[in-house]
Amino acid sequence: MTSPLSSRRRSKAPPPGDTGQEALYLRSLSDRQVVVTVKLRDGEQVRGWIEYFDDSMLRLTREGAPNLFIYKSQIRSIAEASKRREPRAGGAAAKAISNSAVSNGADSNGAGL
C-alpha cells in the first residue's frame, strides 16, 4: 500500500519557468524612466533607462553615449540604479535651487553659515 504523502508529492506540478511578470516589470521601469544597470553575459555593465522593449530585445537610452539595442538572451541581470532619471531640463532648476540655498545663507552641506 502506498502512503498518502507519496501520492501528493507526485501530483504537485513544478513551478513555472515563466511567470509572465517580465513584461509588467519592464513596462514599469520604462514608464517611470528608472535608471538601471544592465549586466551582460560577458561581464560588461551598461547604465541607462529602458525606452522600448519587445519579446527579444530592449532599447537602453543613455545620456552622453549612444543608445543600445540589447538582445534579452545577452542580459544576465537588470538592477535599478536610482529611483528616476534627472529630467533633461533639470540643469536650470538645479542651479536655481543651489542659488536660493546660497542666498539663504546655507553652505554646500545645507547648514547655515
Protein backbone atom coordinates (compact mmCIF):
# COMPACT_ATOMS: atom_id res chain seq x y z
CA MET A 1 0.00 0.00 0.00
CA THR A 2 1.32 3.48 -0.84
CA SER A 3 1.33 6.24 1.68
CA PRO A 4 -0.82 9.35 1.12
CA LEU A 5 2.28 11.57 1.26
CA SER A 6 3.98 9.95 -1.73
CA SER A 7 0.90 10.40 -3.93
CA ARG A 8 0.70 14.11 -3.01
CA ARG A 9 4.31 14.65 -3.96
CA ARG A 10 3.82 13.15 -7.39
CA SER A 11 0.72 15.19 -8.16
CA LYS A 12 2.35 18.53 -7.42
CA ALA A 13 3.45 20.31 -10.60
CA PRO A 14 6.85 22.00 -10.78
CA PRO A 15 6.90 25.80 -10.59
CA PRO A 16 6.52 27.54 -13.95
CA GLY A 17 9.70 28.66 -15.68
CA ASP A 18 7.99 31.80 -16.96
CA THR A 19 5.61 33.70 -14.69
CA GLY A 20 4.67 36.37 -17.22
CA GLN A 21 5.84 39.15 -14.91
CA GLU A 22 8.83 40.23 -17.02
CA ALA A 23 6.80 42.44 -19.36
CA LEU A 24 5.00 44.11 -16.45
CA TYR A 25 8.29 44.88 -14.69
CA LEU A 26 9.95 46.24 -17.84
CA ARG A 27 6.85 48.36 -18.59
CA SER A 28 7.02 49.79 -15.05
CA LEU A 29 10.73 50.64 -15.44
CA SER A 30 10.08 52.19 -18.83
CA ASP A 31 7.07 54.27 -17.73
CA ARG A 32 8.89 55.62 -14.65
CA GLN A 33 12.17 56.10 -16.59
CA VAL A 34 14.12 54.41 -13.82
CA VAL A 35 17.87 54.35 -14.37
CA VAL A 36 19.00 50.73 -14.49
CA THR A 37 22.31 48.88 -14.64
CA VAL A 38 22.24 46.06 -17.16
CA LYS A 39 24.85 43.35 -16.61
CA LEU A 40 25.59 41.45 -19.80
CA ARG A 41 26.64 37.79 -20.09
CA ASP A 42 30.21 38.80 -21.00
CA GLY A 43 30.54 40.76 -17.72
CA GLU A 44 30.14 44.25 -19.19
CA GLN A 45 27.77 46.64 -17.40
CA VAL A 46 25.85 49.45 -19.09
CA ARG A 47 23.66 52.07 -17.49
CA GLY A 48 20.63 53.95 -18.79
CA TRP A 49 16.86 53.75 -18.86
CA ILE A 50 14.66 51.39 -20.82
CA GLU A 51 12.85 53.29 -23.55
CA TYR A 52 11.47 50.35 -25.52
CA PHE A 53 11.31 46.55 -25.27
CA ASP A 54 9.70 43.60 -27.01
CA ASP A 55 9.91 39.79 -26.79
CA SER A 56 13.55 39.53 -27.84
CA MET A 57 15.31 42.84 -27.14
CA LEU A 58 15.26 46.17 -25.31
CA ARG A 59 16.46 49.67 -26.09
CA LEU A 60 18.64 51.24 -23.41
CA THR A 61 18.81 55.04 -23.70
CA ARG A 62 21.93 56.64 -22.24
CA GLU A 63 22.96 60.24 -21.63
CA GLY A 64 26.18 61.25 -23.36
CA ALA A 65 26.59 57.85 -25.02
CA PRO A 66 24.95 56.02 -27.93
CA ASN A 67 21.66 54.25 -27.30
CA LEU A 68 21.87 50.45 -27.28
CA PHE A 69 19.62 47.73 -28.60
CA ILE A 70 20.38 44.67 -26.45
CA TYR A 71 19.13 41.14 -27.10
CA LYS A 72 17.50 39.72 -23.97
CA SER A 73 19.47 36.50 -24.45
CA GLN A 74 22.66 38.52 -23.78
CA ILE A 75 21.40 40.01 -20.48
CA ARG A 76 22.45 38.41 -17.20
CA SER A 77 20.59 40.83 -14.89
CA ILE A 78 18.87 44.21 -14.67
CA ALA A 79 19.09 46.21 -11.44
CA GLU A 80 17.55 49.56 -10.56
CA ALA A 81 20.32 52.12 -10.09
CA SER A 82 18.16 55.00 -8.82
CA LYS A 83 14.54 55.96 -8.45
CA ARG A 84 14.24 58.18 -11.52
CA ARG A 85 16.49 59.79 -14.09
CA GLU A 86 17.10 63.52 -13.93
CA PRO A 87 14.98 65.45 -16.44
CA ARG A 88 16.95 66.97 -19.33
CA ALA A 89 15.79 70.49 -18.41
CA GLY A 90 16.77 69.84 -14.77
CA GLY A 91 20.05 71.76 -15.05
CA ALA A 92 18.38 75.16 -14.78
CA ALA A 93 16.17 74.02 -11.90
CA ALA A 94 19.17 72.62 -10.05
CA LYS A 95 21.03 75.94 -10.47
CA ALA A 96 18.02 77.85 -9.17
CA ILE A 97 17.84 75.62 -6.10
CA SER A 98 21.57 75.96 -5.38
CA ASN A 99 21.40 79.75 -5.87
CA SER A 100 18.50 80.04 -3.44
CA ALA A 101 20.39 77.95 -0.89
CA VAL A 102 23.38 80.30 -1.15
CA SER A 103 21.18 83.38 -0.86
CA ASN A 104 19.51 81.88 2.23
CA GLY A 105 22.89 81.58 3.93
CA ALA A 106 23.34 77.84 3.57
CA ASP A 107 26.69 76.28 2.68
CA SER A 108 27.06 73.36 0.28
CA ASN A 109 26.09 70.87 3.00
CA GLY A 110 22.82 72.67 3.67
CA ALA A 111 23.93 74.03 7.04
CA GLY A 112 23.59 77.71 7.85
CA LEU A 113 26.68 79.92 7.94
